PDB file of N, CA and C in Angstrom:
ATOM      1  N   MET A   1       4.175  -7.178   4.541  1.00  0.00           N
ATOM      2  CA  MET A   1       3.046  -7.948   4.981  1.00  0.00           C
ATOM      3  C   MET A   1       2.614  -8.869   3.833  1.00  0.00           C
ATOM      4  N   ARG A   2       2.185 -10.071   4.183  1.00  0.00           N
ATOM      5  CA  ARG A   2       1.685 -11.031   3.198  1.00  0.00           C
ATOM      6  C   ARG A   2       0.176 -11.169   3.370  1.00  0.00           C
ATOM      7  N   VAL A   3      -0.529 -11.156   2.251  1.00  0.00           N
ATOM      8  CA  VAL A   3      -1.986 -11.302   2.259  1.00  0.00           C
ATOM      9  C   VAL A   3      -2.386 -12.300   1.179  1.00  0.00           C
ATOM     10  N   ARG A   4      -3.590 -12.787   1.262  1.00  0.00           N
ATOM     11  CA  ARG A   4      -4.101 -13.684   0.222  1.00  0.00           C
ATOM     12  C   ARG A   4      -4.724 -12.861  -0.901  1.00  0.00           C
ATOM     13  N   CYS A   5      -4.441 -13.266  -2.120  1.00  0.00           N
ATOM     14  CA  CYS A   5      -5.047 -12.632  -3.291  1.00  0.00           C
ATOM     15  C   CYS A   5      -6.566 -12.817  -3.194  1.00  0.00           C
ATOM     16  N   PRO A   6      -7.343 -11.749  -3.342  1.00  0.00           N
ATOM     17  CA  PRO A   6      -8.798 -11.883  -3.241  1.00  0.00           C
ATOM     18  C   PRO A   6      -9.396 -12.789  -4.320  1.00  0.00           C
ATOM     19  N   ARG A   7      -8.695 -12.975  -5.400  1.00  0.00           N
ATOM     20  CA  ARG A   7      -9.223 -13.764  -6.517  1.00  0.00           C
ATOM     21  C   ARG A   7      -8.861 -15.248  -6.413  1.00  0.00           C
ATOM     22  N   CYS A   8      -7.560 -15.564  -6.246  1.00  0.00           N
ATOM     23  CA  CYS A   8      -7.114 -16.969  -6.295  1.00  0.00           C
ATOM     24  C   CYS A   8      -6.623 -17.501  -4.956  1.00  0.00           C
ATOM     25  N   GLN A   9      -6.566 -16.642  -3.950  1.00  0.00           N
ATOM     26  CA  GLN A   9      -6.151 -17.015  -2.593  1.00  0.00           C
ATOM     27  C   GLN A   9      -4.669 -17.362  -2.460  1.00  0.00           C
ATOM     28  N   THR A  10      -3.843 -17.052  -3.442  1.00  0.00           N
ATOM     29  CA  THR A  10      -2.394 -17.243  -3.350  1.00  0.00           C
ATOM     30  C   THR A  10      -1.810 -16.179  -2.427  1.00  0.00           C
ATOM     31  N   TRP A  11      -0.842 -16.562  -1.602  1.00  0.00           N
ATOM     32  CA  TRP A  11      -0.179 -15.577  -0.746  1.00  0.00           C
ATOM     33  C   TRP A  11       0.643 -14.637  -1.613  1.00  0.00           C
ATOM     34  N   THR A  12       0.558 -13.342  -1.321  1.00  0.00           N
ATOM     35  CA  THR A  12       1.277 -12.338  -2.090  1.00  0.00           C
ATOM     36  C   THR A  12       1.696 -11.189  -1.176  1.00  0.00           C
ATOM     37  N   ASP A  13       2.690 -10.449  -1.587  1.00  0.00           N
ATOM     38  CA  ASP A  13       3.176  -9.309  -0.803  1.00  0.00           C
ATOM     39  C   ASP A  13       2.244  -8.119  -0.969  1.00  0.00           C
ATOM     40  N   PHE A  14       1.892  -7.502   0.128  1.00  0.00           N
ATOM     41  CA  PHE A  14       1.122  -6.259   0.096  1.00  0.00           C
ATOM     42  C   PHE A  14       2.108  -5.133   0.394  1.00  0.00           C
ATOM     43  N   SER A  15       2.820  -4.753  -0.647  1.00  0.00           N
ATOM     44  CA  SER A  15       3.828  -3.704  -0.516  1.00  0.00           C
ATOM     45  C   SER A  15       3.965  -2.995  -1.866  1.00  0.00           C
ATOM     46  N   PRO A  16       4.651  -1.865  -1.894  1.00  0.00           N
ATOM     47  CA  PRO A  16       4.833  -1.149  -3.155  1.00  0.00           C
ATOM     48  C   PRO A  16       5.563  -1.978  -4.227  1.00  0.00           C
ATOM     49  N   VAL A  17       6.268  -3.007  -3.812  1.00  0.00           N
ATOM     50  CA  VAL A  17       6.968  -3.874  -4.771  1.00  0.00           C
ATOM     51  C   VAL A  17       5.960  -4.619  -5.651  1.00  0.00           C
ATOM     52  N   ASN A  18       4.810  -4.971  -5.088  1.00  0.00           N
ATOM     53  CA  ASN A  18       3.769  -5.676  -5.835  1.00  0.00           C
ATOM     54  C   ASN A  18       2.845  -4.644  -6.469  1.00  0.00           C
ATOM     55  N   ARG A  19       3.015  -4.397  -7.745  1.00  0.00           N
ATOM     56  CA  ARG A  19       2.241  -3.345  -8.401  1.00  0.00           C
ATOM     57  C   ARG A  19       0.777  -3.696  -8.594  1.00  0.00           C
ATOM     58  N   TRP A  20       0.388  -4.947  -8.359  1.00  0.00           N
ATOM     59  CA  TRP A  20      -1.014  -5.364  -8.513  1.00  0.00           C
ATOM     60  C   TRP A  20      -1.715  -5.520  -7.163  1.00  0.00           C
ATOM     61  N   ARG A  21      -1.079  -5.109  -6.073  1.00  0.00           N
ATOM     62  CA  ARG A  21      -1.651  -5.357  -4.753  1.00  0.00           C
ATOM     63  C   ARG A  21      -3.082  -4.869  -4.666  1.00  0.00           C
ATOM     64  N   PRO A  22      -3.981  -5.537  -4.035  1.00  0.00           N
ATOM     65  CA  PRO A  22      -3.799  -6.724  -3.213  1.00  0.00           C
ATOM     66  C   PRO A  22      -3.813  -8.028  -4.007  1.00  0.00           C
ATOM     67  N   PHE A  23      -3.870  -7.941  -5.323  1.00  0.00           N
ATOM     68  CA  PHE A  23      -3.886  -9.143  -6.154  1.00  0.00           C
ATOM     69  C   PHE A  23      -2.471  -9.643  -6.374  1.00  0.00           C
ATOM     70  N   CYS A  24      -2.349 -10.905  -6.800  1.00  0.00           N
ATOM     71  CA  CYS A  24      -1.025 -11.487  -7.009  1.00  0.00           C
ATOM     72  C   CYS A  24      -0.504 -11.215  -8.416  1.00  0.00           C
ATOM     73  N   SER A  25      -1.389 -10.886  -9.351  1.00  0.00           N
ATOM     74  CA  SER A  25      -0.963 -10.696 -10.737  1.00  0.00           C
ATOM     75  C   SER A  25      -1.967  -9.820 -11.477  1.00  0.00           C
ATOM     76  N   ASP A  26      -1.554  -9.396 -12.661  1.00  0.00           N
ATOM     77  CA  ASP A  26      -2.442  -8.627 -13.519  1.00  0.00           C
ATOM     78  C   ASP A  26      -3.643  -9.476 -13.938  1.00  0.00           C
ATOM     79  N   ARG A  27      -3.434 -10.763 -14.122  1.00  0.00           N
ATOM     80  CA  ARG A  27      -4.525 -11.659 -14.514  1.00  0.00           C
ATOM     81  C   ARG A  27      -5.634 -11.670 -13.461  1.00  0.00           C
ATOM     82  N   CYS A  28      -5.276 -11.816 -12.192  1.00  0.00           N
ATOM     83  CA  CYS A  28      -6.277 -11.817 -11.126  1.00  0.00           C
ATOM     84  C   CYS A  28      -6.948 -10.449 -11.001  1.00  0.00           C
ATOM     85  N   ARG A  29      -6.193  -9.389 -11.141  1.00  0.00           N
ATOM     86  CA  ARG A  29      -6.752  -8.039 -11.065  1.00  0.00           C
ATOM     87  C   ARG A  29      -7.765  -7.812 -12.178  1.00  0.00           C
ATOM     88  N   THR A  30      -7.428  -8.243 -13.394  1.00  0.00           N
ATOM     89  CA  THR A  30      -8.320  -8.073 -14.537  1.00  0.00           C
ATOM     90  C   THR A  30      -9.569  -8.944 -14.402  1.00  0.00           C
ATOM     91  N   ALA A  31      -9.403 -10.176 -13.926  1.00  0.00           N
ATOM     92  CA  ALA A  31     -10.551 -11.064 -13.730  1.00  0.00           C
ATOM     93  C   ALA A  31     -11.503 -10.478 -12.688  1.00  0.00           C
ATOM     94  N   ASP A  32     -10.973  -9.899 -11.630  1.00  0.00           N
ATOM     95  CA  ASP A  32     -11.800  -9.291 -10.600  1.00  0.00           C
ATOM     96  C   ASP A  32     -12.547  -8.079 -11.153  1.00  0.00           C
ATOM     97  N   LEU A  33     -11.873  -7.278 -11.946  1.00  0.00           N
ATOM     98  CA  LEU A  33     -12.508  -6.117 -12.563  1.00  0.00           C
ATOM     99  C   LEU A  33     -13.634  -6.559 -13.496  1.00  0.00           C
ATOM    100  N   GLY A  34     -13.417  -7.630 -14.253  1.00  0.00           N
ATOM    101  CA  GLY A  34     -14.455  -8.160 -15.136  1.00  0.00           C
ATOM    102  C   GLY A  34     -15.667  -8.634 -14.351  1.00  0.00           C
ATOM    103  N   ALA A  35     -15.439  -9.297 -13.224  1.00  0.00           N
ATOM    104  CA  ALA A  35     -16.540  -9.761 -12.379  1.00  0.00           C
ATOM    105  C   ALA A  35     -17.308  -8.569 -11.824  1.00  0.00           C
ATOM    106  N   TRP A  36     -16.600  -7.529 -11.465  1.00  0.00           N
ATOM    107  CA  TRP A  36     -17.248  -6.316 -10.969  1.00  0.00           C
ATOM    108  C   TRP A  36     -18.093  -5.696 -12.082  1.00  0.00           C
ATOM    109  N   GLY A  37     -17.559  -5.647 -13.297  1.00  0.00           N
ATOM    110  CA  GLY A  37     -18.288  -5.080 -14.431  1.00  0.00           C
ATOM    111  C   GLY A  37     -19.542  -5.880 -14.779  1.00  0.00           C
ATOM    112  N   ARG A  38     -19.512  -7.188 -14.566  1.00  0.00           N
ATOM    113  CA  ARG A  38     -20.684  -8.042 -14.814  1.00  0.00           C
ATOM    114  C   ARG A  38     -21.660  -8.024 -13.642  1.00  0.00           C
ATOM    115  N   GLU A  39     -21.330  -7.249 -12.622  1.00  0.00           N
ATOM    116  CA  GLU A  39     -22.131  -7.117 -11.410  1.00  0.00           C
ATOM    117  C   GLU A  39     -22.246  -8.440 -10.651  1.00  0.00           C
ATOM    118  N   ASP A  40     -21.184  -9.239 -10.674  1.00  0.00           N
ATOM    119  CA  ASP A  40     -21.157 -10.487  -9.921  1.00  0.00           C
ATOM    120  C   ASP A  40     -21.130 -10.248  -8.415  1.00  0.00           C
ATOM    121  N   PHE A  41     -20.774  -9.045  -7.984  1.00  0.00           N
ATOM    122  CA  PHE A  41     -20.643  -8.741  -6.564  1.00  0.00           C
ATOM    123  C   PHE A  41     -21.861  -8.015  -6.008  1.00  0.00           C
ATOM    124  N   ARG A  42     -22.996  -8.139  -6.674  1.00  0.00           N
ATOM    125  CA  ARG A  42     -24.207  -7.468  -6.213  1.00  0.00           C
ATOM    126  C   ARG A  42     -24.684  -8.062  -4.895  1.00  0.00           C
ATOM    127  N   LEU A  43     -25.287  -7.226  -4.083  1.00  0.00           N
ATOM    128  CA  LEU A  43     -25.936  -7.683  -2.864  1.00  0.00           C
ATOM    129  C   LEU A  43     -27.422  -7.806  -3.153  1.00  0.00           C
ATOM    130  N   PRO A  44     -28.033  -8.893  -2.723  1.00  0.00           N
ATOM    131  CA  PRO A  44     -29.467  -9.021  -2.970  1.00  0.00           C
ATOM    132  C   PRO A  44     -30.244  -7.954  -2.202  1.00  0.00           C
ATOM    133  N   ALA A  45     -31.270  -7.450  -2.835  1.00  0.00           N
ATOM    134  CA  ALA A  45     -32.091  -6.413  -2.200  1.00  0.00           C
ATOM    135  C   ALA A  45     -33.545  -6.848  -2.220  1.00  0.00           C
ATOM    136  N   ARG A  46     -34.239  -6.500  -1.160  1.00  0.00           N
ATOM    137  CA  ARG A  46     -35.663  -6.780  -1.078  1.00  0.00           C
ATOM    138  C   ARG A  46     -36.434  -5.516  -1.428  1.00  0.00           C
ATOM    139  N   PRO A  47     -37.587  -5.646  -2.051  1.00  0.00           N
ATOM    140  CA  PRO A  47     -38.391  -4.446  -2.323  1.00  0.00           C
ATOM    141  C   PRO A  47     -38.853  -3.821  -1.014  1.00  0.00           C
ATOM    142  N   PRO A  48     -39.088  -2.535  -1.001  1.00  0.00           N
ATOM    143  CA  PRO A  48     -39.545  -1.870   0.225  1.00  0.00           C
ATOM    144  C   PRO A  48     -40.875  -2.450   0.690  1.00  0.00           C
ATOM    145  N   GLN A  49     -41.034  -2.570   1.995  1.00  0.00           N
ATOM    146  CA  GLN A  49     -42.260  -3.106   2.581  1.00  0.00           C
ATOM    147  C   GLN A  49     -43.185  -1.993   3.059  1.00  0.00           C
ATOM    148  N   ASP A  50     -42.767  -0.775   2.895  1.00  0.00           N
ATOM    149  CA  ASP A  50     -43.524   0.373   3.374  1.00  0.00           C
ATOM    150  C   ASP A  50     -44.654   0.711   2.398  1.00  0.00           C
ATOM    151  N   GLU A  51     -45.845   1.006   2.903  1.00  0.00           N
ATOM    152  CA  GLU A  51     -46.973   1.357   2.044  1.00  0.00           C
ATOM    153  C   GLU A  51     -46.708   2.624   1.253  1.00  0.00           C
ATOM    154  N   ASP A  52     -45.960   3.561   1.837  1.00  0.00           N
ATOM    155  CA  ASP A  52     -45.664   4.821   1.171  1.00  0.00           C
ATOM    156  C   ASP A  52     -44.728   4.631  -0.015  1.00  0.00           C
ATOM    157  N   ALA A  53     -44.046   3.512  -0.075  1.00  0.00           N
ATOM    158  CA  ALA A  53     -43.120   3.266  -1.186  1.00  0.00           C
ATOM    159  C   ALA A  53     -43.866   3.170  -2.497  1.00  0.00           C
ATOM    160  N   ASP A  54     -45.095   2.659  -2.479  1.00  0.00           N
ATOM    161  CA  ASP A  54     -45.898   2.587  -3.701  1.00  0.00           C
ATOM    162  C   ASP A  54     -46.208   3.981  -4.231  1.00  0.00           C
ATOM    163  N   ASP A  55     -46.396   4.936  -3.339  1.00  0.00           N
ATOM    164  CA  ASP A  55     -46.668   6.300  -3.766  1.00  0.00           C
ATOM    165  C   ASP A  55     -45.449   6.916  -4.475  1.00  0.00           C
ATOM    166  N   LEU A  56     -44.256   6.546  -4.058  1.00  0.00           N
ATOM    167  CA  LEU A  56     -43.041   7.068  -4.668  1.00  0.00           C
ATOM    168  C   LEU A  56     -42.857   6.551  -6.089  1.00  0.00           C
ATOM    169  N   LEU A  57     -43.316   5.347  -6.342  1.00  0.00           N
ATOM    170  CA  LEU A  57     -43.135   4.738  -7.662  1.00  0.00           C
ATOM    171  C   LEU A  57     -44.161   5.238  -8.674  1.00  0.00           C
ATOM    172  N   GLY A  58     -45.152   5.917  -8.250  1.00  0.00           N
ATOM    173  CA  GLY A  58     -46.091   6.509  -9.170  1.00  0.00           C
ATOM    174  C   GLY A  58     -47.352   5.790  -9.203  1.00  0.00           C
TER     175      GLY A  58
END
């Protein structure tokens, strides 16, 4: 099966032959790991709107 590299969008094999799957190379895999470590993939969160939430925070 062929898939796009999540980092650079290059088509690559998703098979045991590709040791970096789903990435196309060690470079893309390492860059993605670095972005994860910098928390680039965070989802925005809103503070709780519940009145009881203030009681939990002290």
